[in-house]
Amino acid sequence: MGSLDGRVAIITGAGRGIGRQHALLFAAEGAKVVVNDLGGAVDGSGDDRSAARQVVDEIVAAGGAAVASTDDVTDWAGGKRLVELALETFGDLHVLVNNAGILRDKMLVNMSEEDWDAVVHVHLKGHFVPTRHAASYWREQAKSGRDVRAAIVNTSSTSGLLGNPGQTNYGAAKAGIGALTVIAAQELARYGVRVNAIAPAARTRMTAQTPGLSDIVAPPADPGAFDVWDPANVSPLVAALSTADCAITGQVFFVQGGQVRLFQPWTMTETLQTEGRWDVAELAAKLPSLAPTG
């Protein structure tokens, strides 16, 4: 018996890296998996439609159930077809894991409009579109009286939640995914849908190109040592959040190796208060006591 027996899951960006590990683990835990991937390069260019099918072949060879999807998750009709594929192939949908993304790192002063638009489009809209179509299905199910116990797991990043130079486009999109997660959890709870996010640290094609990470993420020299950057370390958290009995929602988790940490949302701390409206010079003098400089 697996922890995801009877669950049907869509996993986007599942042809390689972390998404591939999600798909393999979900299938091993008993889920039926829709493996979605365009097979593009890290920067979003090109496509290799065989990437999704190769993962499906691995799952089927191991005795699991899976189907490939090469729909573009940023395309409205493509997102609808993705959900319909799960329903037509496996008869239901219980889990959506939004994982697809690209990377076009540049310092802000060198970033083009296209670099900005492409990254925000794939990450943020690529999370919204499948979520919107899956949520519509679950709302209909809930309104018909069905006991819906669905889960969405989004993919944020420390680049957005903590910041990382050279990634204003990627970080802004990933911070937006954090906000999308919290608000969607609030809206969809009435339909039996939980929404959480992870901020993973793992070795992928993307992290291998991230400023300051390319050397750090290399496998350990000792083949017997635990590889904290192995992308397979991330997937157990995603699977746990996707189980039917999990009650957690509206949360964002950091995960690396054997470590899982809960992010604290934006929160207000110290206060400056005056009677009426502030004088500019007076406020400028007092602001350093509220916010550190340098």
Foldseek 3Di string as FASTA:
>chain_A
DALQAPAEEEFAPCLDFLNVLLLQVNQVRHYAYEYEYQCADQQRDDGDQCSSVVSQVVSVVVPGHYDYHHFQLLDQVSLLVSLVVSCVPPNDHAEYEQDDFHDDFDAPVPDDPCSLCSRLSRQQSSLVRNVVNNLVVLQVCVVVPHQHQHEYEYEAACCQVVNDGRGPSNNVSRVVVLVVQQVVQVVRVSSNYAGEYEHEAADDSVQCPGPPRVVVRDADPDPVDQRQRRSSQPNVVVSVRGGSPDDDHNWYWYTTRPDIDTDDDDDDDDDDDDPDDDDPVVCVVCVCVRPPDD
